């Protein structure tokens, strides 16, 4: 299976010109997938949960890789915050896979939604 997050990033990028919109849309997509897992917790096959978590991890891997590059245009404090948030997301995802509990999805959903909202609010016109 090809890297779904990178593929989604590229596909959305072809339809969107603003990188912040692209990132916000991907975060929203991942949050929606995770919310669906949360809402249907008892009936969702664990493979679907694993796939949703994998998509989210890959998306965050792209973000963390981008902000830790030397040529990142973001201020250092923003870069550090995104990297630290990404590490937290990875740890939370692994914890959820090791011990599946529906409530553990809440923080991942909220992080993605809040970051997407922030990207949209601060997007250049």
PDB file of N, CA and C in Angstrom:
ATOM      1  N   UNK A   1       0.848  -1.174   0.000  1.00  0.00           N
ATOM      2  CA  UNK A   1       0.000   0.000   0.000  1.00  0.00           C
ATOM      3  C   UNK A   1       0.895   1.238   0.000  1.00  0.00           C
ATOM      4  N   UNK A   2       0.622   2.133  -0.923  1.00  0.00           N
ATOM      5  CA  UNK A   2       1.421   3.343  -1.033  1.00  0.00           C
ATOM      6  C   UNK A   2       1.110   4.285   0.111  1.00  0.00           C
ATOM      7  N   UNK A   3       1.967   5.197   0.359  1.00  0.00           N
ATOM      8  CA  UNK A   3       1.797   6.152   1.451  1.00  0.00           C
ATOM      9  C   UNK A   3       0.534   6.975   1.223  1.00  0.00           C
ATOM     10  N   UNK A   4      -0.550   6.597   1.907  1.00  0.00           N
ATOM     11  CA  UNK A   4      -1.856   7.233   1.699  1.00  0.00           C
ATOM     12  C   UNK A   4      -1.854   8.709   2.066  1.00  0.00           C
ATOM     13  N   UNK A   5      -1.187   9.067   3.144  1.00  0.00           N
ATOM     14  CA  UNK A   5      -1.182  10.465   3.566  1.00  0.00           C
ATOM     15  C   UNK A   5      -0.475  11.341   2.534  1.00  0.00           C
ATOM     16  N   UNK A   6       0.667  10.884   2.048  1.00  0.00           N
ATOM     17  CA  UNK A   6       1.392  11.661   1.036  1.00  0.00           C
ATOM     18  C   UNK A   6       0.587  11.736  -0.249  1.00  0.00           C
ATOM     19  N   UNK A   7      -0.050  10.639  -0.608  1.00  0.00           N
ATOM     20  CA  UNK A   7      -0.884  10.621  -1.806  1.00  0.00           C
ATOM     21  C   UNK A   7      -2.068  11.576  -1.661  1.00  0.00           C
ATOM     22  N   UNK A   8      -2.718  11.539  -0.506  1.00  0.00           N
ATOM     23  CA  UNK A   8      -3.839  12.457  -0.267  1.00  0.00           C
ATOM     24  C   UNK A   8      -3.360  13.895  -0.288  1.00  0.00           C
ATOM     25  N   UNK A   9      -2.174  14.133   0.251  1.00  0.00           N
ATOM     26  CA  UNK A   9      -1.586  15.466   0.266  1.00  0.00           C
ATOM     27  C   UNK A   9      -1.406  15.967  -1.157  1.00  0.00           C
ATOM     28  N   UNK A  10      -0.877  15.114  -2.030  1.00  0.00           N
ATOM     29  CA  UNK A  10      -0.653  15.491  -3.420  1.00  0.00           C
ATOM     30  C   UNK A  10      -1.968  15.697  -4.158  1.00  0.00           C
ATOM     31  N   UNK A  11      -2.931  14.801  -3.966  1.00  0.00           N
ATOM     32  CA  UNK A  11      -4.215  14.914  -4.655  1.00  0.00           C
ATOM     33  C   UNK A  11      -4.949  16.178  -4.239  1.00  0.00           C
ATOM     34  N   UNK A  12      -4.957  16.458  -2.946  1.00  0.00           N
ATOM     35  CA  UNK A  12      -5.627  17.658  -2.472  1.00  0.00           C
ATOM     36  C   UNK A  12      -4.883  18.890  -2.960  1.00  0.00           C
ATOM     37  N   UNK A  13      -3.559  18.787  -3.014  1.00  0.00           N
ATOM     38  CA  UNK A  13      -2.751  19.902  -3.484  1.00  0.00           C
ATOM     39  C   UNK A  13      -3.052  20.283  -4.921  1.00  0.00           C
ATOM     40  N   UNK A  14      -3.470  19.329  -5.721  1.00  0.00           N
ATOM     41  CA  UNK A  14      -3.812  19.618  -7.100  1.00  0.00           C
ATOM     42  C   UNK A  14      -5.118  20.406  -7.201  1.00  0.00           C
ATOM     43  N   UNK A  15      -5.965  20.298  -6.187  1.00  0.00           N
ATOM     44  CA  UNK A  15      -7.244  21.007  -6.195  1.00  0.00           C
ATOM     45  C   UNK A  15      -7.193  22.293  -5.385  1.00  0.00           C
ATOM     46  N   UNK A  16      -6.152  22.465  -4.577  1.00  0.00           N
ATOM     47  CA  UNK A  16      -6.053  23.588  -3.658  1.00  0.00           C
ATOM     48  C   UNK A  16      -4.756  24.325  -3.933  1.00  0.00           C
ATOM     49  N   UNK A  17      -4.818  25.643  -3.962  1.00  0.00           N
ATOM     50  CA  UNK A  17      -3.606  26.393  -4.222  1.00  0.00           C
ATOM     51  C   UNK A  17      -2.912  26.828  -2.940  1.00  0.00           C
ATOM     52  N   UNK A  18      -3.649  27.014  -1.872  1.00  0.00           N
ATOM     53  CA  UNK A  18      -3.090  27.495  -0.628  1.00  0.00           C
ATOM     54  C   UNK A  18      -2.616  26.318   0.222  1.00  0.00           C
ATOM     55  N   UNK A  19      -1.326  26.249   0.573  1.00  0.00           N
ATOM     56  CA  UNK A  19      -0.821  25.130   1.376  1.00  0.00           C
ATOM     57  C   UNK A  19      -1.517  25.000   2.736  1.00  0.00           C
ATOM     58  N   UNK A  20      -1.894  26.112   3.325  1.00  0.00           N
ATOM     59  CA  UNK A  20      -2.595  26.048   4.621  1.00  0.00           C
ATOM     60  C   UNK A  20      -3.957  25.392   4.459  1.00  0.00           C
ATOM     61  N   UNK A  21      -4.648  25.689   3.373  1.00  0.00           N
ATOM     62  CA  UNK A  21      -5.926  25.036   3.114  1.00  0.00           C
ATOM     63  C   UNK A  21      -5.736  23.541   2.921  1.00  0.00           C
ATOM     64  N   UNK A  22      -4.699  23.184   2.207  1.00  0.00           N
ATOM     65  CA  UNK A  22      -4.386  21.777   1.979  1.00  0.00           C
ATOM     66  C   UNK A  22      -4.171  21.062   3.304  1.00  0.00           C
ATOM     67  N   UNK A  23      -3.323  21.626   4.150  1.00  0.00           N
ATOM     68  CA  UNK A  23      -3.046  21.011   5.446  1.00  0.00           C
ATOM     69  C   UNK A  23      -4.300  20.949   6.305  1.00  0.00           C
ATOM     70  N   UNK A  24      -5.080  22.021   6.302  1.00  0.00           N
ATOM     71  CA  UNK A  24      -6.322  22.049   7.081  1.00  0.00           C
ATOM     72  C   UNK A  24      -7.304  20.992   6.585  1.00  0.00           C
ATOM     73  N   UNK A  25      -7.403  20.836   5.278  1.00  0.00           N
ATOM     74  CA  UNK A  25      -8.317  19.836   4.722  1.00  0.00           C
ATOM     75  C   UNK A  25      -7.890  18.421   5.091  1.00  0.00           C
ATOM     76  N   UNK A  26      -6.601  18.146   5.047  1.00  0.00           N
ATOM     77  CA  UNK A  26      -6.119  16.816   5.410  1.00  0.00           C
ATOM     78  C   UNK A  26      -6.307  16.531   6.898  1.00  0.00           C
ATOM     79  N   UNK A  27      -6.056  17.526   7.732  1.00  0.00           N
ATOM     80  CA  UNK A  27      -6.296  17.354   9.164  1.00  0.00           C
ATOM     81  C   UNK A  27      -7.775  17.123   9.444  1.00  0.00           C
ATOM     82  N   UNK A  28      -8.628  17.854   8.743  1.00  0.00           N
ATOM     83  CA  UNK A  28     -10.080  17.674   8.918  1.00  0.00           C
ATOM     84  C   UNK A  28     -10.519  16.293   8.457  1.00  0.00           C
ATOM     85  N   UNK A  29      -9.945  15.852   7.362  1.00  0.00           N
ATOM     86  CA  UNK A  29     -10.271  14.517   6.847  1.00  0.00           C
ATOM     87  C   UNK A  29      -9.887  13.440   7.867  1.00  0.00           C
ATOM     88  N   UNK A  30      -8.696  13.577   8.421  1.00  0.00           N
ATOM     89  CA  UNK A  30      -8.248  12.607   9.403  1.00  0.00           C
ATOM     90  C   UNK A  30      -9.108  12.677  10.664  1.00  0.00           C
ATOM     91  N   UNK A  31      -9.439  13.881  11.110  1.00  0.00           N
ATOM     92  CA  UNK A  31     -10.301  14.033  12.291  1.00  0.00           C
ATOM     93  C   UNK A  31     -11.665  13.396  12.048  1.00  0.00           C
ATOM     94  N   UNK A  32     -12.207  13.566  10.855  1.00  0.00           N
ATOM     95  CA  UNK A  32     -13.503  12.963  10.519  1.00  0.00           C
ATOM     96  C   UNK A  32     -13.426  11.438  10.542  1.00  0.00           C
ATOM     97  N   UNK A  33     -12.341  10.890  10.002  1.00  0.00           N
ATOM     98  CA  UNK A  33     -12.152   9.433  10.034  1.00  0.00           C
ATOM     99  C   UNK A  33     -12.074   8.927  11.470  1.00  0.00           C
ATOM    100  N   UNK A  34     -11.309   9.618  12.285  1.00  0.00           N
ATOM    101  CA  UNK A  34     -11.169   9.213  13.680  1.00  0.00           C
ATOM    102  C   UNK A  34     -12.479   9.379  14.444  1.00  0.00           C
ATOM    103  N   UNK A  35     -13.222  10.438  14.128  1.00  0.00           N
ATOM    104  CA  UNK A  35     -14.523  10.648  14.773  1.00  0.00           C
ATOM    105  C   UNK A  35     -15.489   9.525  14.423  1.00  0.00           C
ATOM    106  N   UNK A  36     -15.442   9.077  13.189  1.00  0.00           N
ATOM    107  CA  UNK A  36     -16.295   7.953  12.769  1.00  0.00           C
ATOM    108  C   UNK A  36     -15.933   6.699  13.560  1.00  0.00           C
ATOM    109  N   UNK A  37     -14.647   6.498  13.787  1.00  0.00           N
ATOM    110  CA  UNK A  37     -14.215   5.364  14.608  1.00  0.00           C
ATOM    111  C   UNK A  37     -14.777   5.501  16.024  1.00  0.00           C
ATOM    112  N   UNK A  38     -14.700   6.704  16.554  1.00  0.00           N
ATOM    113  CA  UNK A  38     -15.173   6.977  17.919  1.00  0.00           C
ATOM    114  C   UNK A  38     -16.682   6.759  18.021  1.00  0.00           C
ATOM    115  N   UNK A  39     -17.421   7.263  17.042  1.00  0.00           N
ATOM    116  CA  UNK A  39     -18.881   7.181  17.063  1.00  0.00           C
ATOM    117  C   UNK A  39     -19.392   5.754  16.943  1.00  0.00           C
ATOM    118  N   UNK A  40     -18.693   4.937  16.169  1.00  0.00           N
ATOM    119  CA  UNK A  40     -19.126   3.559  15.913  1.00  0.00           C
ATOM    120  C   UNK A  40     -18.169   2.551  16.555  1.00  0.00           C
ATOM    121  N   UNK A  41     -17.605   2.897  17.673  1.00  0.00           N
ATOM    122  CA  UNK A  41     -16.537   2.129  18.304  1.00  0.00           C
ATOM    123  C   UNK A  41     -16.824   0.629  18.380  1.00  0.00           C
ATOM    124  N   UNK A  42     -18.015   0.270  18.791  1.00  0.00           N
ATOM    125  CA  UNK A  42     -18.320  -1.147  18.999  1.00  0.00           C
ATOM    126  C   UNK A  42     -18.534  -1.925  17.704  1.00  0.00           C
ATOM    127  N   UNK A  43     -18.783  -1.228  16.606  1.00  0.00           N
ATOM    128  CA  UNK A  43     -19.050  -1.950  15.356  1.00  0.00           C
ATOM    129  C   UNK A  43     -17.954  -1.790  14.300  1.00  0.00           C
ATOM    130  N   UNK A  44     -16.988  -0.941  14.553  1.00  0.00           N
ATOM    131  CA  UNK A  44     -15.909  -0.709  13.580  1.00  0.00           C
ATOM    132  C   UNK A  44     -14.874  -1.820  13.700  1.00  0.00           C
ATOM    133  N   UNK A  45     -14.556  -2.468  12.586  1.00  0.00           N
ATOM    134  CA  UNK A  45     -13.481  -3.475  12.628  1.00  0.00           C
ATOM    135  C   UNK A  45     -12.158  -2.820  13.030  1.00  0.00           C
ATOM    136  N   UNK A  46     -11.381  -3.497  13.817  1.00  0.00           N
ATOM    137  CA  UNK A  46     -10.107  -2.939  14.299  1.00  0.00           C
ATOM    138  C   UNK A  46      -9.149  -2.632  13.149  1.00  0.00           C
ATOM    139  N   UNK A  47      -9.308  -3.306  12.019  1.00  0.00           N
ATOM    140  CA  UNK A  47      -8.470  -2.985  10.859  1.00  0.00           C
ATOM    141  C   UNK A  47      -8.765  -1.565  10.369  1.00  0.00           C
ATOM    142  N   UNK A  48     -10.034  -1.164  10.406  1.00  0.00           N
ATOM    143  CA  UNK A  48     -10.375   0.210  10.011  1.00  0.00           C
ATOM    144  C   UNK A  48      -9.773   1.220  10.977  1.00  0.00           C
ATOM    145  N   UNK A  49      -9.788   0.900  12.259  1.00  0.00           N
ATOM    146  CA  UNK A  49      -9.153   1.774  13.242  1.00  0.00           C
ATOM    147  C   UNK A  49      -7.660   1.872  12.952  1.00  0.00           C
ATOM    148  N   UNK A  50      -7.039   0.747  12.709  1.00  0.00           N
ATOM    149  CA  UNK A  50      -5.604   0.740  12.406  1.00  0.00           C
ATOM    150  C   UNK A  50      -5.306   1.587  11.168  1.00  0.00           C
ATOM    151  N   UNK A  51      -6.157   1.491  10.148  1.00  0.00           N
ATOM    152  CA  UNK A  51      -5.956   2.282   8.928  1.00  0.00           C
ATOM    153  C   UNK A  51      -6.130   3.770   9.187  1.00  0.00           C
ATOM    154  N   UNK A  52      -7.127   4.131   9.986  1.00  0.00           N
ATOM    155  CA  UNK A  52      -7.352   5.548  10.307  1.00  0.00           C
ATOM    156  C   UNK A  52      -6.179   6.109  11.111  1.00  0.00           C
ATOM    157  N   UNK A  53      -5.683   5.329  12.052  1.00  0.00           N
ATOM    158  CA  UNK A  53      -4.530   5.766  12.840  1.00  0.00           C
ATOM    159  C   UNK A  53      -3.280   5.860  11.981  1.00  0.00           C
ATOM    160  N   UNK A  54      -3.133   4.927  11.062  1.00  0.00           N
ATOM    161  CA  UNK A  54      -1.974   4.952  10.165  1.00  0.00           C
ATOM    162  C   UNK A  54      -2.008   6.199   9.273  1.00  0.00           C
ATOM    163  N   UNK A  55      -3.170   6.525   8.740  1.00  0.00           N
ATOM    164  CA  UNK A  55      -3.292   7.733   7.924  1.00  0.00           C
ATOM    165  C   UNK A  55      -2.890   8.957   8.742  1.00  0.00           C
ATOM    166  N   UNK A  56      -3.384   9.036   9.968  1.00  0.00           N
ATOM    167  CA  UNK A  56      -3.079  10.177  10.821  1.00  0.00           C
ATOM    168  C   UNK A  56      -1.584  10.247  11.145  1.00  0.00           C
ATOM    169  N   UNK A  57      -0.987   9.104  11.433  1.00  0.00           N
ATOM    170  CA  UNK A  57       0.461   9.081  11.717  1.00  0.00           C
ATOM    171  C   UNK A  57       1.263   9.514  10.497  1.00  0.00           C
ATOM    172  N   UNK A  58       0.871   9.048   9.343  1.00  0.00           N
ATOM    173  CA  UNK A  58       1.609   9.426   8.122  1.00  0.00           C
ATOM    174  C   UNK A  58       1.470  10.920   7.841  1.00  0.00           C
ATOM    175  N   UNK A  59       0.290  11.435   8.063  1.00  0.00           N
ATOM    176  CA  UNK A  59       0.064  12.867   7.888  1.00  0.00           C
ATOM    177  C   UNK A  59       0.968  13.655   8.840  1.00  0.00           C
ATOM    178  N   UNK A  60       0.993  13.246  10.078  1.00  0.00           N
ATOM    179  CA  UNK A  60       1.833  13.929  11.059  1.00  0.00           C
ATOM    180  C   UNK A  60       3.320  13.717  10.775  1.00  0.00           C
ATOM    181  N   UNK A  61       3.674  12.603  10.189  1.00  0.00           N
ATOM    182  CA  UNK A  61       5.069  12.386   9.791  1.00  0.00           C
ATOM    183  C   UNK A  61       5.467  13.414   8.732  1.00  0.00           C
ATOM    184  N   UNK A  62       4.577  13.674   7.799  1.00  0.00           N
ATOM    185  CA  UNK A  62       4.841  14.691   6.772  1.00  0.00           C
ATOM    186  C   UNK A  62       5.025  16.056   7.433  1.00  0.00           C
ATOM    187  N   UNK A  63       4.140  16.391   8.377  1.00  0.00           N
ATOM    188  CA  UNK A  63       4.260  17.680   9.072  1.00  0.00           C
ATOM    189  C   UNK A  63       5.578  17.779   9.832  1.00  0.00           C
ATOM    190  N   UNK A  64       5.901  16.727  10.591  1.00  0.00           N
ATOM    191  CA  UNK A  64       7.125  16.766  11.402  1.00  0.00           C
ATOM    192  C   UNK A  64       8.369  16.837  10.526  1.00  0.00           C
ATOM    193  N   UNK A  65       8.366  16.109   9.432  1.00  0.00           N
ATOM    194  CA  UNK A  65       9.497  16.153   8.507  1.00  0.00           C
ATOM    195  C   UNK A  65       9.644  17.555   7.918  1.00  0.00           C
ATOM    196  N   UNK A  66       8.522  18.154   7.572  1.00  0.00           N
ATOM    197  CA  UNK A  66       8.540  19.490   6.978  1.00  0.00           C
ATOM    198  C   UNK A  66       9.067  20.548   7.947  1.00  0.00           C
ATOM    199  N   UNK A  67       8.602  20.512   9.182  1.00  0.00           N
ATOM    200  CA  UNK A  67       9.007  21.557  10.132  1.00  0.00           C
ATOM    201  C   UNK A  67      10.414  21.361  10.673  1.00  0.00           C
ATOM    202  N   UNK A  68      10.956  20.173  10.549  1.00  0.00           N
ATOM    203  CA  UNK A  68      12.309  19.952  11.072  1.00  0.00           C
ATOM    204  C   UNK A  68      13.384  20.122  10.000  1.00  0.00           C
ATOM    205  N   UNK A  69      12.969  20.412   8.792  1.00  0.00           N
ATOM    206  CA  UNK A  69      13.946  20.686   7.728  1.00  0.00           C
ATOM    207  C   UNK A  69      14.616  22.031   7.992  1.00  0.00           C
ATOM    208  N   UNK A  70      15.869  22.112   7.659  1.00  0.00           N
ATOM    209  CA  UNK A  70      16.606  23.357   7.875  1.00  0.00           C
ATOM    210  C   UNK A  70      16.028  24.529   7.087  1.00  0.00           C
ATOM    211  N   UNK A  71      15.428  24.239   5.938  1.00  0.00           N
ATOM    212  CA  UNK A  71      14.908  25.312   5.092  1.00  0.00           C
ATOM    213  C   UNK A  71      13.443  25.655   5.390  1.00  0.00           C
ATOM    214  N   UNK A  72      12.898  25.162   6.492  1.00  0.00           N
ATOM    215  CA  UNK A  72      11.523  25.487   6.854  1.00  0.00           C
ATOM    216  C   UNK A  72      11.406  26.985   7.103  1.00  0.00           C
ATOM    217  N   UNK A  73      10.398  27.632   6.496  1.00  0.00           N
ATOM    218  CA  UNK A  73      10.248  29.077   6.658  1.00  0.00           C
ATOM    219  C   UNK A  73       9.571  29.474   7.978  1.00  0.00           C
ATOM    220  N   UNK A  74       9.102  28.504   8.738  1.00  0.00           N
ATOM    221  CA  UNK A  74       8.399  28.802   9.980  1.00  0.00           C
ATOM    222  C   UNK A  74       9.361  29.256  11.078  1.00  0.00           C
ATOM    223  N   UNK A  75       8.886  30.109  11.972  1.00  0.00           N
ATOM    224  CA  UNK A  75       9.717  30.498  13.114  1.00  0.00           C
ATOM    225  C   UNK A  75      10.062  29.266  13.960  1.00  0.00           C
ATOM    226  N   UNK A  76      11.204  29.306  14.603  1.00  0.00           N
ATOM    227  CA  UNK A  76      11.702  28.153  15.348  1.00  0.00           C
ATOM    228  C   UNK A  76      10.716  27.699  16.420  1.00  0.00           C
ATOM    229  N   UNK A  77      10.046  28.631  17.109  1.00  0.00           N
ATOM    230  CA  UNK A  77       9.124  28.225  18.169  1.00  0.00           C
ATOM    231  C   UNK A  77       7.916  27.476  17.600  1.00  0.00           C
ATOM    232  N   UNK A  78       7.439  27.874  16.435  1.00  0.00           N
ATOM    233  CA  UNK A  78       6.327  27.173  15.778  1.00  0.00           C
ATOM    234  C   UNK A  78       6.793  25.799  15.332  1.00  0.00           C
ATOM    235  N   UNK A  79       7.985  25.747  14.783  1.00  0.00           N
ATOM    236  CA  UNK A  79       8.538  24.465  14.341  1.00  0.00           C
ATOM    237  C   UNK A  79       8.651  23.490  15.506  1.00  0.00           C
ATOM    238  N   UNK A  80       9.146  23.972  16.639  1.00  0.00           N
ATOM    239  CA  UNK A  80       9.294  23.120  17.816  1.00  0.00           C
ATOM    240  C   UNK A  80       7.939  22.659  18.343  1.00  0.00           C
ATOM    241  N   UNK A  81       6.964  23.566  18.352  1.00  0.00           N
ATOM    242  CA  UNK A  81       5.626  23.209  18.833  1.00  0.00           C
ATOM    243  C   UNK A  81       4.982  22.140  17.956  1.00  0.00           C
ATOM    244  N   UNK A  82       5.100  22.291  16.642  1.00  0.00           N
ATOM    245  CA  UNK A  82       4.530  21.299  15.731  1.00  0.00           C
ATOM    246  C   UNK A  82       5.241  19.960  15.895  1.00  0.00           C
ATOM    247  N   UNK A  83       6.557  19.986  16.014  1.00  0.00           N
ATOM    248  CA  UNK A  83       7.314  18.741  16.195  1.00  0.00           C
ATOM    249  C   UNK A  83       6.919  18.058  17.507  1.00  0.00           C
ATOM    250  N   UNK A  84       6.820  18.821  18.580  1.00  0.00           N
ATOM    251  CA  UNK A  84       6.421  18.248  19.871  1.00  0.00           C
ATOM    252  C   UNK A  84       4.999  17.701  19.831  1.00  0.00           C
ATOM    253  N   UNK A  85       4.109  18.416  19.177  1.00  0.00           N
ATOM    254  CA  UNK A  85       2.739  17.939  19.028  1.00  0.00           C
ATOM    255  C   UNK A  85       2.719  16.648  18.211  1.00  0.00           C
ATOM    256  N   UNK A  86       3.530  16.599  17.183  1.00  0.00           N
ATOM    257  CA  UNK A  86       3.633  15.394  16.367  1.00  0.00           C
ATOM    258  C   UNK A  86       4.121  14.192  17.167  1.00  0.00           C
ATOM    259  N   UNK A  87       5.089  14.411  18.024  1.00  0.00           N
ATOM    260  CA  UNK A  87       5.580  13.324  18.881  1.00  0.00           C
ATOM    261  C   UNK A  87       4.470  12.847  19.805  1.00  0.00           C
ATOM    262  N   UNK A  88       3.725  13.786  20.360  1.00  0.00           N
ATOM    263  CA  UNK A  88       2.600  13.412  21.219  1.00  0.00           C
ATOM    264  C   UNK A  88       1.568  12.592  20.445  1.00  0.00           C
ATOM    265  N   UNK A  89       1.248  13.031  19.221  1.00  0.00           N
ATOM    266  CA  UNK A  89       0.283  12.315  18.376  1.00  0.00           C
ATOM    267  C   UNK A  89       0.762  10.889  18.119  1.00  0.00           C
ATOM    268  N   UNK A  90       2.043  10.729  17.832  1.00  0.00           N
ATOM    269  CA  UNK A  90       2.593   9.394  17.589  1.00  0.00           C
ATOM    270  C   UNK A  90       2.459   8.512  18.830  1.00  0.00           C
ATOM    271  N   UNK A  91       2.822   9.051  19.988  1.00  0.00           N
ATOM    272  CA  UNK A  91       2.729   8.282  21.234  1.00  0.00           C
ATOM    273  C   UNK A  91       1.283   7.906  21.547  1.00  0.00           C
ATOM    274  N   UNK A  92       0.369   8.842  21.360  1.00  0.00           N
ATOM    275  CA  UNK A  92      -1.041   8.583  21.632  1.00  0.00           C
ATOM    276  C   UNK A  92      -1.574   7.514  20.684  1.00  0.00           C
ATOM    277  N   UNK A  93      -1.174   7.569  19.437  1.00  0.00           N
ATOM    278  CA  UNK A  93      -1.611   6.571  18.451  1.00  0.00           C
ATOM    279  C   UNK A  93      -1.117   5.180  18.822  1.00  0.00           C
ATOM    280  N   UNK A  94       0.151   5.091  19.211  1.00  0.00           N
ATOM    281  CA  UNK A  94       0.702   3.798  19.602  1.00  0.00           C
ATOM    282  C   UNK A  94       0.032   3.270  20.864  1.00  0.00           C
ATOM    283  N   UNK A  95      -0.249   4.151  21.788  1.00  0.00           N
ATOM    284  CA  UNK A  95      -0.948   3.763  23.009  1.00  0.00           C
ATOM    285  C   UNK A  95      -2.341   3.230  22.688  1.00  0.00           C
ATOM    286  N   UNK A  96      -2.996   3.892  21.752  1.00  0.00           N
ATOM    287  CA  UNK A  96      -4.341   3.474  21.355  1.00  0.00           C
ATOM    288  C   UNK A  96      -4.319   2.114  20.672  1.00  0.00           C
ATOM    289  N   UNK A  97      -3.321   1.871  19.867  1.00  0.00           N
ATOM    290  CA  UNK A  97      -3.232   0.571  19.209  1.00  0.00           C
ATOM    291  C   UNK A  97      -2.889  -0.536  20.200  1.00  0.00           C
ATOM    292  N   UNK A  98      -2.057  -0.219  21.179  1.00  0.00           N
ATOM    293  CA  UNK A  98      -1.683  -1.219  22.174  1.00  0.00           C
ATOM    294  C   UNK A  98      -2.849  -1.540  23.105  1.00  0.00           C
ATOM    295  N   UNK A  99      -3.618  -0.509  23.440  1.00  0.00           N
ATOM    296  CA  UNK A  99      -4.761  -0.672  24.339  1.00  0.00           C
ATOM    297  C   UNK A  99      -5.932   0.141  23.773  1.00  0.00           C
ATOM    298  N   UNK A 100      -6.700  -0.450  22.870  1.00  0.00           N
ATOM    299  CA  UNK A 100      -7.799   0.284  22.232  1.00  0.00           C
ATOM    300  C   UNK A 100      -8.896   0.693  23.224  1.00  0.00           C
ATOM    301  N   UNK A 101      -9.014   2.004  23.394  1.00  0.00           N
ATOM    302  CA  UNK A 101     -10.045   2.593  24.237  1.00  0.00           C
ATOM    303  C   UNK A 101     -10.591   3.792  23.472  1.00  0.00           C
ATOM    304  N   UNK A 102     -11.891   3.823  23.278  1.00  0.00           N
ATOM    305  CA  UNK A 102     -12.516   4.861  22.448  1.00  0.00           C
ATOM    306  C   UNK A 102     -12.144   6.276  22.893  1.00  0.00           C
ATOM    307  N   UNK A 103     -12.096   6.509  24.188  1.00  0.00           N
ATOM    308  CA  UNK A 103     -11.836   7.865  24.689  1.00  0.00           C
ATOM    309  C   UNK A 103     -10.444   8.380  24.323  1.00  0.00           C
ATOM    310  N   UNK A 104      -9.519   7.486  24.018  1.00  0.00           N
ATOM    311  CA  UNK A 104      -8.180   7.917  23.607  1.00  0.00           C
ATOM    312  C   UNK A 104      -8.189   8.612  22.250  1.00  0.00           C
ATOM    313  N   UNK A 105      -9.249   8.400  21.485  1.00  0.00           N
ATOM    314  CA  UNK A 105      -9.351   9.073  20.187  1.00  0.00           C
ATOM    315  C   UNK A 105      -9.652  10.561  20.338  1.00  0.00           C
ATOM    316  N   UNK A 106     -10.280  10.931  21.441  1.00  0.00           N
ATOM    317  CA  UNK A 106     -10.729  12.316  21.617  1.00  0.00           C
ATOM    318  C   UNK A 106      -9.610  13.330  21.441  1.00  0.00           C
ATOM    319  N   UNK A 107      -8.463  13.077  22.046  1.00  0.00           N
ATOM    320  CA  UNK A 107      -7.370  14.034  21.963  1.00  0.00           C
ATOM    321  C   UNK A 107      -6.841  14.156  20.531  1.00  0.00           C
ATOM    322  N   UNK A 108      -6.759  13.052  19.809  1.00  0.00           N
ATOM    323  CA  UNK A 108      -6.296  13.114  18.419  1.00  0.00           C
ATOM    324  C   UNK A 108      -7.277  13.890  17.549  1.00  0.00           C
ATOM    325  N   UNK A 109      -8.550  13.636  17.754  1.00  0.00           N
ATOM    326  CA  UNK A 109      -9.593  14.349  17.003  1.00  0.00           C
ATOM    327  C   UNK A 109      -9.507  15.841  17.295  1.00  0.00           C
ATOM    328  N   UNK A 110      -9.404  16.188  18.561  1.00  0.00           N
ATOM    329  CA  UNK A 110      -9.363  17.600  18.948  1.00  0.00           C
ATOM    330  C   UNK A 110      -8.115  18.308  18.434  1.00  0.00           C
ATOM    331  N   UNK A 111      -6.974  17.659  18.511  1.00  0.00           N
ATOM    332  CA  UNK A 111      -5.740  18.274  17.995  1.00  0.00           C
ATOM    333  C   UNK A 111      -5.893  18.566  16.505  1.00  0.00           C
ATOM    334  N   UNK A 112      -6.353  17.587  15.741  1.00  0.00           N
ATOM    335  CA  UNK A 112      -6.498  17.788  14.295  1.00  0.00           C
ATOM    336  C   UNK A 112      -7.499  18.887  13.987  1.00  0.00           C
ATOM    337  N   UNK A 113      -8.628  18.889  14.675  1.00  0.00           N
ATOM    338  CA  UNK A 113      -9.649  19.916  14.425  1.00  0.00           C
ATOM    339  C   UNK A 113      -9.154  21.312  14.794  1.00  0.00           C
ATOM    340  N   UNK A 114      -8.509  21.425  15.945  1.00  0.00           N
ATOM    341  CA  UNK A 114      -8.016  22.731  16.387  1.00  0.00           C
ATOM    342  C   UNK A 114      -6.934  23.267  15.460  1.00  0.00           C
ATOM    343  N   UNK A 115      -6.033  22.401  15.060  1.00  0.00           N
ATOM    344  CA  UNK A 115      -4.973  22.838  14.151  1.00  0.00           C
ATOM    345  C   UNK A 115      -5.554  23.218  12.791  1.00  0.00           C
ATOM    346  N   UNK A 116      -6.515  22.440  12.298  1.00  0.00           N
ATOM    347  CA  UNK A 116      -7.162  22.770  11.022  1.00  0.00           C
ATOM    348  C   UNK A 116      -7.863  24.127  11.109  1.00  0.00           C
ATOM    349  N   UNK A 117      -8.562  24.365  12.209  1.00  0.00           N
ATOM    350  CA  UNK A 117      -9.256  25.647  12.392  1.00  0.00           C
ATOM    351  C   UNK A 117      -8.255  26.798  12.446  1.00  0.00           C
ATOM    352  N   UNK A 118      -7.135  26.584  13.131  1.00  0.00           N
ATOM    353  CA  UNK A 118      -6.109  27.614  13.206  1.00  0.00           C
ATOM    354  C   UNK A 118      -5.490  27.904  11.846  1.00  0.00           C
ATOM    355  N   UNK A 119      -5.253  26.875  11.066  1.00  0.00           N
ATOM    356  CA  UNK A 119      -4.699  27.070   9.727  1.00  0.00           C
ATOM    357  C   UNK A 119      -5.660  27.840   8.837  1.00  0.00           C
ATOM    358  N   UNK A 120      -6.932  27.532   8.952  1.00  0.00           N
ATOM    359  CA  UNK A 120      -7.936  28.235   8.142  1.00  0.00           C
ATOM    360  C   UNK A 120      -8.074  29.691   8.578  1.00  0.00           C
ATOM    361  N   UNK A 121      -8.028  29.921   9.874  1.00  0.00           N
ATOM    362  CA  UNK A 121      -8.181  31.291  10.392  1.00  0.00           C
ATOM    363  C   UNK A 121      -7.001  32.171  10.014  1.00  0.00           C
ATOM    364  N   UNK A 122      -5.828  31.567   9.907  1.00  0.00           N
ATOM    365  CA  UNK A 122      -4.611  32.338   9.608  1.00  0.00           C
ATOM    366  C   UNK A 122      -4.177  32.236   8.153  1.00  0.00           C
ATOM    367  N   UNK A 123      -5.021  31.672   7.318  1.00  0.00           N
ATOM    368  CA  UNK A 123      -4.659  31.503   5.897  1.00  0.00           C
ATOM    369  C   UNK A 123      -4.624  32.873   5.217  1.00  0.00           C
ATOM    370  N   UNK A 124      -3.602  33.078   4.371  1.00  0.00           N
ATOM    371  CA  UNK A 124      -3.549  34.336   3.617  1.00  0.00           C
ATOM    372  C   UNK A 124      -4.724  34.415   2.634  1.00  0.00           C
ATOM    373  N   UNK A 125      -5.201  35.606   2.438  1.00  0.00           N
ATOM    374  CA  UNK A 125      -6.360  35.827   1.547  1.00  0.00           C
ATOM    375  C   UNK A 125      -5.960  35.727   0.106  1.00  0.00           C
TER     376      UNK A 125
END
